[in-house]
Amino acid sequence: MSEPPTTRRSSNRTETTPLGDHEPIRRSIEVEYWVIDEQGRLTEPGDLVEASPGVEREFIAPLLEIKTTPCETTAALRNELFERLNRVLRRADTQDKGLVPLATPVNEDSIADLPSERTRIQDQIIGADFEYVRHCAGTHIHVEQQPGREIDQLNTFIALDPALALVNSSPYFRGTRLTTGARSKLYRRLAYADLPHQGTLWPYADDTAEWEGRLERRYNEFVTEALDAGFDRETIESCFDPESASWTPVKLRDQFSTVEWRSPDTALPSQVVRLADDLVEVVEQLLDAEVRIGGDTGRITDDAVVLPAFETVQTYVDASIQDGLSSDAVRSYLDRMGFDVSAYDPLAHELDTREELTEEHARQLRLEYAARLEQDVQQARSVSAD
């Protein structure tokens, strides 16, 4: 099927470097893992946060985040992530704890927050729906902004959002099958149902001024909601700014000078590194290509990056959440957009064996996948040593 005529061209494309003569593109990862005890029960990380640089608490008690620094190569990113993970796992082993690479805890009734004014504001604004966020563990991938191509890069990441299907890692919420990508549904469709502009994927942007205007509008809406909930402006503004008060899955980050993709689930670290590498490869291609928006299918070739209409992207996103890589349309789309789909084996499809899971089965699964994560780290370190 031939591609329909394109309807729009990204507006701020400039030639900033000669063909094929680009600086290395830096990338970094932030990945969250559930912490469990020897019986598979959720627990607090304790001093695991002191095991390595880049290890932090998240806003809920049993979640740990591991961050890398910006790295110029996939090998450097892999080495740093796996080294930091290995340090955490060594300490966890002495305490009979484990890290679970699943996007939800599978079956858990309620999860406690860490005390925080920022969390208290969100809890009041979002209300009971904020409980959905507490059951989500994800991955954020940062890719360095390319001068003069920032909006091309942002728009391309928006078009690539269906690639979340490559690492869907849990279909369950509170023991019940929700959908293939349960975290994406919890986060986008349920938690921010009453603040739809905050958590959903935003349309393509024409330029950075349009993007900044969106951030300001969303921030003003958020501040108004917080004021209505009884918080004072000084407290709100001390906890949030326009960049940090929106949870849209793709963000232009002025603070880090990156484009951040927040959609992927937490997953095995080897899967996350592969995904980051694939994103960087797409950015490398668009530097020497024309980026166009329009049509119904989308494709990446040697000389063009064609992004489908935003409505089409939304259709693929819905299928990625609902069916994941079981969707032929999603697989075909991601293949055209430069991904080797056959290289991915999402954990959600392994887990998706029944409609209901007991608490006992959930604990067993957490223990099983904590062991899988350890194997993934040890295998990568063995390959690196060779």
Protein backbone atom coordinates (compact mmCIF):
# COMPACT_ATOMS: atom_id res chain seq x y z
CA MET A 1 0.00 0.00 0.00
CA SER A 2 1.51 3.34 -0.99
CA GLU A 3 1.84 6.15 1.52
CA PRO A 4 -0.80 8.90 1.19
CA PRO A 5 0.50 12.41 0.50
CA THR A 6 1.97 14.08 3.56
CA THR A 7 -0.04 16.87 5.08
CA ARG A 8 2.45 18.76 7.22
CA ARG A 9 6.17 19.21 7.60
CA SER A 10 7.89 19.78 10.94
CA SER A 11 8.58 23.48 11.01
CA ASN A 12 11.91 24.00 12.72
CA ARG A 13 14.18 21.66 10.81
CA THR A 14 17.65 23.14 10.28
CA GLU A 15 20.85 21.65 8.93
CA THR A 16 23.24 21.98 11.88
CA THR A 17 25.88 19.35 11.10
CA PRO A 18 27.28 17.81 7.93
CA LEU A 19 25.86 14.51 6.74
CA GLY A 20 27.12 11.65 8.86
CA ASP A 21 29.30 13.92 11.03
CA HIS A 22 27.39 14.01 14.31
CA GLU A 23 28.49 14.06 17.90
CA PRO A 24 27.57 11.00 19.99
CA ILE A 25 23.99 11.22 21.27
CA ARG A 26 23.83 10.87 25.01
CA ARG A 27 21.13 8.77 26.62
CA SER A 28 20.16 7.82 30.18
CA ILE A 29 17.66 5.57 31.91
CA GLU A 30 15.55 5.74 35.07
CA VAL A 31 13.98 2.40 35.98
CA GLU A 32 11.79 1.47 38.95
CA TYR A 33 11.63 -1.91 40.68
CA TRP A 34 9.40 -3.32 43.42
CA VAL A 35 11.32 -4.44 46.51
CA ILE A 36 10.28 -7.74 48.07
CA ASP A 37 11.28 -9.87 51.03
CA GLU A 38 12.17 -13.57 51.00
CA GLN A 39 8.49 -14.53 50.88
CA GLY A 40 7.67 -12.29 47.93
CA ARG A 41 5.90 -9.65 50.00
CA LEU A 42 6.39 -5.98 49.17
CA THR A 43 8.77 -4.28 51.56
CA GLU A 44 10.74 -1.07 51.94
CA PRO A 45 14.23 -0.88 50.40
CA GLY A 46 15.93 0.38 53.58
CA ASP A 47 19.65 0.90 53.01
CA LEU A 48 19.56 -0.51 49.47
CA VAL A 49 19.50 3.15 48.43
CA GLU A 50 23.06 3.42 49.77
CA ALA A 51 24.39 0.50 47.73
CA SER A 52 25.26 2.52 44.62
CA PRO A 53 25.19 5.97 43.10
CA GLY A 54 21.97 6.73 41.25
CA VAL A 55 19.71 4.75 43.59
CA GLU A 56 16.76 6.61 45.08
CA ARG A 57 13.46 6.09 46.84
CA GLU A 58 10.28 6.66 44.85
CA PHE A 59 7.17 8.29 46.28
CA ILE A 60 5.72 4.98 47.48
CA ALA A 61 7.26 2.78 50.15
CA PRO A 62 8.18 -0.47 48.29
CA LEU A 63 9.55 1.11 45.09
CA LEU A 64 13.20 1.73 44.26
CA GLU A 65 14.53 3.76 41.32
CA ILE A 66 17.90 3.24 39.67
CA LYS A 67 19.23 6.00 37.40
CA THR A 68 22.18 6.18 35.06
CA THR A 69 24.19 9.22 34.10
CA PRO A 70 24.06 10.43 30.46
CA CYS A 71 26.09 7.95 28.40
CA GLU A 72 27.45 8.36 24.87
CA THR A 73 27.19 4.70 23.84
CA THR A 74 24.93 1.73 24.42
CA ALA A 75 27.86 -0.19 25.88
CA ALA A 76 28.50 2.55 28.44
CA LEU A 77 24.81 2.72 29.33
CA ARG A 78 24.58 -1.04 29.71
CA ASN A 79 27.72 -1.24 31.84
CA GLU A 80 26.61 1.54 34.17
CA LEU A 81 23.05 0.28 34.61
CA PHE A 82 24.13 -3.30 35.21
CA GLU A 83 26.93 -2.32 37.57
CA ARG A 84 24.56 -0.23 39.67
CA LEU A 85 21.98 -2.99 39.66
CA ASN A 86 24.60 -5.53 40.63
CA ARG A 87 25.64 -3.48 43.64
CA VAL A 88 22.03 -3.18 44.79
CA LEU A 89 21.41 -6.89 44.26
CA ARG A 90 24.53 -7.87 46.23
CA ARG A 91 23.33 -5.86 49.20
CA ALA A 92 19.75 -7.10 48.75
CA ASP A 93 21.00 -10.68 48.87
CA THR A 94 22.45 -10.13 52.34
CA GLN A 95 19.00 -8.97 53.50
CA ASP A 96 16.93 -11.63 51.72
CA LYS A 97 15.39 -8.98 49.48
CA GLY A 98 14.83 -8.89 45.73
CA LEU A 99 13.93 -6.50 42.92
CA VAL A 100 10.92 -7.26 40.74
CA PRO A 101 10.81 -6.03 37.10
CA LEU A 102 7.01 -6.04 36.75
CA ALA A 103 4.94 -2.96 35.96
CA THR A 104 2.44 -3.66 38.74
CA PRO A 105 2.76 -5.67 41.96
CA VAL A 106 0.21 -8.02 40.34
CA ASN A 107 -1.97 -8.37 43.41
CA GLU A 108 -1.77 -5.85 46.24
CA ASP A 109 -4.62 -4.04 47.89
CA SER A 110 -3.13 -0.74 49.03
CA ILE A 111 0.38 0.72 48.92
CA ALA A 112 1.68 3.36 51.32
CA ASP A 113 3.15 6.72 50.31
CA LEU A 114 6.32 8.17 51.71
CA PRO A 115 5.52 11.44 53.52
CA SER A 116 5.84 14.29 51.01
CA GLU A 117 4.09 17.61 50.46
CA ARG A 118 4.29 17.05 46.72
CA THR A 119 2.52 13.70 47.04
CA ARG A 120 -0.05 15.15 49.43
CA ILE A 121 -0.97 17.82 46.86
CA GLN A 122 -1.39 15.23 44.10
CA ASP A 123 -3.37 12.98 46.40
CA GLN A 124 -5.80 15.79 47.22
CA ILE A 125 -6.20 16.94 43.61
CA ILE A 126 -6.57 13.53 42.01
CA GLY A 127 -8.49 12.02 44.93
CA ALA A 128 -9.21 8.31 45.12
CA ASP A 129 -7.89 7.79 41.58
CA PHE A 130 -4.36 8.52 42.81
CA GLU A 131 -4.35 4.96 44.16
CA TYR A 132 -3.92 3.76 40.56
CA VAL A 133 -0.55 5.55 40.33
CA ARG A 134 0.70 3.78 43.45
CA HIS A 135 0.51 0.46 41.58
CA CYS A 136 2.75 1.54 38.68
CA ALA A 137 6.45 0.90 38.10
CA GLY A 138 7.94 2.24 34.89
CA THR A 139 10.96 3.26 32.89
CA HIS A 140 11.95 6.71 31.68
CA ILE A 141 14.38 7.01 28.78
CA HIS A 142 16.12 10.33 28.17
CA VAL A 143 17.74 11.09 24.82
CA GLU A 144 19.80 14.24 24.37
CA GLN A 145 18.08 17.00 22.40
CA GLN A 146 19.66 17.64 19.02
CA PRO A 147 20.16 21.35 18.29
CA GLY A 148 17.73 22.60 15.68
CA ARG A 149 15.86 19.26 15.62
CA GLU A 150 14.23 19.34 19.05
CA ILE A 151 10.66 19.39 17.74
CA ASP A 152 11.41 16.79 15.09
CA GLN A 153 12.74 14.61 17.91
CA LEU A 154 9.78 15.30 20.19
CA ASN A 155 7.26 14.58 17.43
CA THR A 156 9.07 11.39 16.44
CA PHE A 157 8.97 10.13 20.03
CA ILE A 158 5.25 10.90 20.13
CA ALA A 159 4.81 8.81 16.98
CA LEU A 160 6.90 6.03 18.55
CA ASP A 161 4.78 5.87 21.70
CA PRO A 162 3.15 2.56 20.60
CA ALA A 163 6.59 1.00 21.15
CA LEU A 164 5.52 0.68 24.78
CA ALA A 165 4.16 -2.68 23.60
CA LEU A 166 7.72 -3.98 23.30
CA VAL A 167 8.15 -4.08 27.09
CA ASN A 168 4.64 -4.49 28.53
CA SER A 169 5.36 -6.39 31.73
CA SER A 170 2.10 -6.92 33.63
CA PRO A 171 -1.55 -7.36 32.68
CA TYR A 172 -2.77 -7.46 36.31
CA PHE A 173 -4.10 -4.98 38.84
CA ARG A 174 -5.13 -6.17 42.31
CA GLY A 175 -5.13 -9.77 41.13
CA THR A 176 -7.47 -9.22 38.19
CA ARG A 177 -6.49 -9.10 34.54
CA LEU A 178 -6.95 -5.51 33.41
CA THR A 179 -5.35 -5.38 29.97
CA THR A 180 -2.02 -6.38 28.40
CA GLY A 181 -0.38 -3.11 29.40
CA ALA A 182 -2.04 -2.64 32.79
CA ARG A 183 0.30 0.15 33.96
CA SER A 184 -0.40 2.29 30.89
CA LYS A 185 -4.13 1.96 31.41
CA LEU A 186 -3.87 2.69 35.13
CA TYR A 187 -1.68 5.72 34.59
CA ARG A 188 -3.22 7.27 31.49
CA ARG A 189 -6.83 6.20 31.44
CA LEU A 190 -7.76 5.88 35.12
CA ALA A 191 -5.51 7.96 37.40
CA TYR A 192 -5.89 11.18 35.40
CA ALA A 193 -9.43 10.63 34.18
CA ASP A 194 -10.52 13.95 35.74
CA LEU A 195 -7.36 15.77 34.57
CA PRO A 196 -7.12 14.38 31.04
CA HIS A 197 -4.52 16.88 29.84
CA GLN A 198 -2.08 15.83 32.56
CA GLY A 199 -1.53 12.15 31.88
CA THR A 200 -2.38 11.53 28.23
CA LEU A 201 -0.20 11.68 25.13
CA TRP A 202 -0.15 15.20 23.68
CA PRO A 203 -0.41 15.90 19.94
CA TYR A 204 2.53 16.90 17.78
CA ALA A 205 3.94 20.38 18.35
CA ASP A 206 4.87 22.90 15.66
CA ASP A 207 7.71 24.52 17.60
CA THR A 208 9.17 24.97 21.07
CA ALA A 209 7.02 28.05 21.72
CA GLU A 210 3.88 25.96 21.23
CA TRP A 211 5.26 23.30 23.57
CA GLU A 212 6.07 25.84 26.26
CA GLY A 213 2.59 27.33 25.93
CA ARG A 214 1.06 23.92 26.55
CA LEU A 215 3.17 23.45 29.67
CA GLU A 216 2.08 26.83 31.02
CA ARG A 217 -1.61 26.10 30.38
CA ARG A 218 -1.43 22.70 32.04
CA TYR A 219 0.50 24.18 34.97
CA ASN A 220 -2.05 26.93 35.47
CA GLU A 221 -4.84 24.33 35.44
CA PHE A 222 -2.95 22.26 38.02
CA VAL A 223 -2.31 25.25 40.27
CA THR A 224 -5.99 26.20 40.11
CA GLU A 225 -6.99 22.68 41.13
CA ALA A 226 -4.49 22.77 44.01
CA LEU A 227 -5.74 26.16 45.20
CA ASP A 228 -9.31 24.86 45.08
CA ALA A 229 -8.17 21.89 47.19
CA GLY A 230 -7.01 24.27 49.92
CA PHE A 231 -3.25 24.58 49.33
CA ASP A 232 -1.55 27.95 49.29
CA ARG A 233 0.26 29.16 46.17
CA GLU A 234 3.69 29.30 47.85
CA THR A 235 3.47 25.63 48.84
CA ILE A 236 2.28 24.59 45.38
CA GLU A 237 5.02 26.50 43.58
CA SER A 238 7.68 25.12 45.91
CA CYS A 239 6.70 21.58 44.87
CA PHE A 240 5.85 22.01 41.19
CA ASP A 241 6.88 24.01 38.16
CA PRO A 242 5.47 23.91 34.61
CA GLU A 243 7.82 21.09 33.60
CA SER A 244 7.19 18.85 36.62
CA ALA A 245 3.43 19.36 36.93
CA SER A 246 2.48 17.38 33.85
CA TRP A 247 2.75 13.62 33.41
CA THR A 248 2.34 13.36 29.65
CA PRO A 249 4.25 10.33 28.30
CA VAL A 250 6.61 12.30 26.02
CA LYS A 251 8.23 15.48 27.31
CA LEU A 252 10.69 18.07 26.08
CA ARG A 253 12.86 18.53 29.16
CA ASP A 254 14.55 21.90 29.34
CA GLN A 255 16.07 21.04 32.72
CA PHE A 256 18.00 18.05 31.36
CA SER A 257 18.14 19.11 27.69
CA THR A 258 16.58 15.80 26.68
CA VAL A 259 13.45 14.40 25.14
CA GLU A 260 12.04 12.07 27.77
CA TRP A 261 9.92 9.02 26.96
CA ARG A 262 8.00 7.92 30.06
CA SER A 263 5.74 5.25 28.59
CA PRO A 264 7.64 1.96 28.98
CA ASP A 265 6.94 -0.41 31.83
CA THR A 266 9.73 -1.50 34.08
CA ALA A 267 11.20 -4.63 32.56
CA LEU A 268 14.31 -6.76 32.52
CA PRO A 269 17.31 -4.42 32.26
CA SER A 270 18.53 -5.98 29.01
CA GLN A 271 15.16 -5.17 27.43
CA VAL A 272 15.29 -1.58 28.67
CA VAL A 273 18.81 -1.03 27.31
CA ARG A 274 17.79 -2.44 23.92
CA LEU A 275 14.82 -0.08 23.83
CA ALA A 276 16.99 2.93 24.63
CA ASP A 277 19.42 1.91 21.90
CA ASP A 278 16.59 1.63 19.37
CA LEU A 279 15.36 5.13 20.27
CA VAL A 280 18.81 6.60 19.78
CA GLU A 281 19.13 4.87 16.40
CA VAL A 282 15.92 6.54 15.28
CA VAL A 283 17.24 9.94 16.39
CA GLU A 284 20.48 9.28 14.50
CA GLN A 285 18.44 8.58 11.37
CA LEU A 286 16.29 11.69 11.61
CA LEU A 287 19.38 13.91 11.81
CA ASP A 288 20.08 13.22 8.14
CA ALA A 289 16.49 12.90 7.01
CA GLU A 290 13.42 15.00 6.38
CA VAL A 291 10.72 14.60 9.03
CA ARG A 292 7.19 14.80 7.67
CA ILE A 293 3.83 14.40 9.34
CA GLY A 294 0.78 12.97 7.63
CA GLY A 295 -0.81 9.85 6.21
CA ASP A 296 -2.13 6.77 7.90
CA THR A 297 0.79 4.38 8.23
CA GLY A 298 4.16 5.97 9.00
CA ARG A 299 7.62 4.73 8.03
CA ILE A 300 11.32 5.42 8.41
CA THR A 301 13.62 5.19 5.40
CA ASP A 302 17.17 6.33 4.70
CA ASP A 303 16.04 9.80 3.65
CA ALA A 304 12.69 10.37 5.36
CA VAL A 305 10.95 9.93 8.69
CA VAL A 306 7.23 9.94 7.98
CA LEU A 307 5.05 10.26 11.08
CA PRO A 308 1.40 9.25 10.76
CA ALA A 309 -1.39 11.62 11.72
CA PHE A 310 -1.72 11.93 15.48
CA GLU A 311 -5.14 10.26 15.44
CA THR A 312 -3.51 7.22 13.84
CA VAL A 313 -0.81 7.17 16.51
CA GLN A 314 -3.52 7.15 19.17
CA THR A 315 -5.11 4.12 17.53
CA TYR A 316 -1.80 2.26 17.65
CA VAL A 317 -1.27 3.31 21.28
CA ASP A 318 -4.67 1.93 22.23
CA ALA A 319 -3.84 -1.38 20.55
CA SER A 320 -0.42 -1.46 22.27
CA ILE A 321 -2.10 -1.13 25.66
CA GLN A 322 -4.95 -3.49 24.89
CA ASP A 323 -3.18 -6.25 22.95
CA GLY A 324 0.53 -5.48 22.97
CA LEU A 325 2.55 -7.43 20.42
CA SER A 326 -0.41 -9.74 19.87
CA SER A 327 -1.69 -6.99 17.58
CA ASP A 328 -0.50 -7.51 13.99
CA ALA A 329 -1.14 -3.82 13.30
CA VAL A 330 1.17 -2.78 16.14
CA ARG A 331 3.90 -5.19 15.08
CA SER A 332 3.74 -3.99 11.49
CA TYR A 333 3.78 -0.33 12.52
CA LEU A 334 6.77 -0.73 14.85
CA ASP A 335 8.62 -2.66 12.15
CA ARG A 336 8.08 0.20 9.68
CA MET A 337 9.26 2.65 12.34
CA GLY A 338 12.62 0.95 12.72
CA PHE A 339 12.21 -1.58 15.54
CA ASP A 340 13.26 -5.22 15.34
CA VAL A 341 10.06 -6.47 16.93
CA SER A 342 11.25 -10.09 16.93
CA ALA A 343 14.06 -9.12 19.34
CA TYR A 344 11.56 -8.36 22.12
CA ASP A 345 9.71 -10.81 24.33
CA PRO A 346 7.44 -8.79 26.67
CA LEU A 347 6.94 -10.29 30.11
CA ALA A 348 3.22 -9.47 30.06
CA HIS A 349 2.58 -12.17 27.48
CA GLU A 350 4.27 -14.75 29.72
CA LEU A 351 2.18 -13.69 32.72
CA ASP A 352 -1.11 -13.51 30.88
CA THR A 353 -2.31 -17.01 31.70
CA ARG A 354 -5.46 -16.49 33.78
CA GLU A 355 -8.06 -13.87 34.66
CA GLU A 356 -7.52 -13.93 38.44
CA LEU A 357 -4.41 -14.33 40.61
CA THR A 358 -4.41 -15.02 44.34
CA GLU A 359 -2.11 -13.17 46.75
CA GLU A 360 -0.08 -16.37 47.17
CA HIS A 361 0.38 -16.72 43.42
CA ALA A 362 1.34 -13.04 43.19
CA ARG A 363 4.10 -13.56 45.78
CA GLN A 364 5.38 -16.57 43.85
CA LEU A 365 5.47 -14.56 40.64
CA ARG A 366 7.37 -11.74 42.29
CA LEU A 367 9.98 -14.20 43.55
CA GLU A 368 10.22 -15.80 40.12
CA TYR A 369 10.75 -12.53 38.29
CA ALA A 370 13.15 -11.21 40.90
CA ALA A 371 15.24 -14.29 40.12
CA ARG A 372 14.86 -13.55 36.40
CA LEU A 373 16.22 -10.05 36.94
CA GLU A 374 19.25 -11.41 38.79
CA GLN A 375 19.88 -13.87 35.96
CA ASP A 376 19.60 -11.06 33.42
CA VAL A 377 22.19 -8.98 35.28
CA GLN A 378 24.60 -11.90 35.78
CA GLN A 379 24.32 -12.99 32.16
CA ALA A 380 25.07 -9.47 30.92
CA ARG A 381 28.05 -9.18 33.24
CA SER A 382 29.38 -12.55 32.02
CA VAL A 383 29.11 -11.46 28.40
CA SER A 384 30.83 -8.17 29.24
CA ALA A 385 33.67 -10.05 30.98
CA ASP A 386 34.19 -12.20 27.89
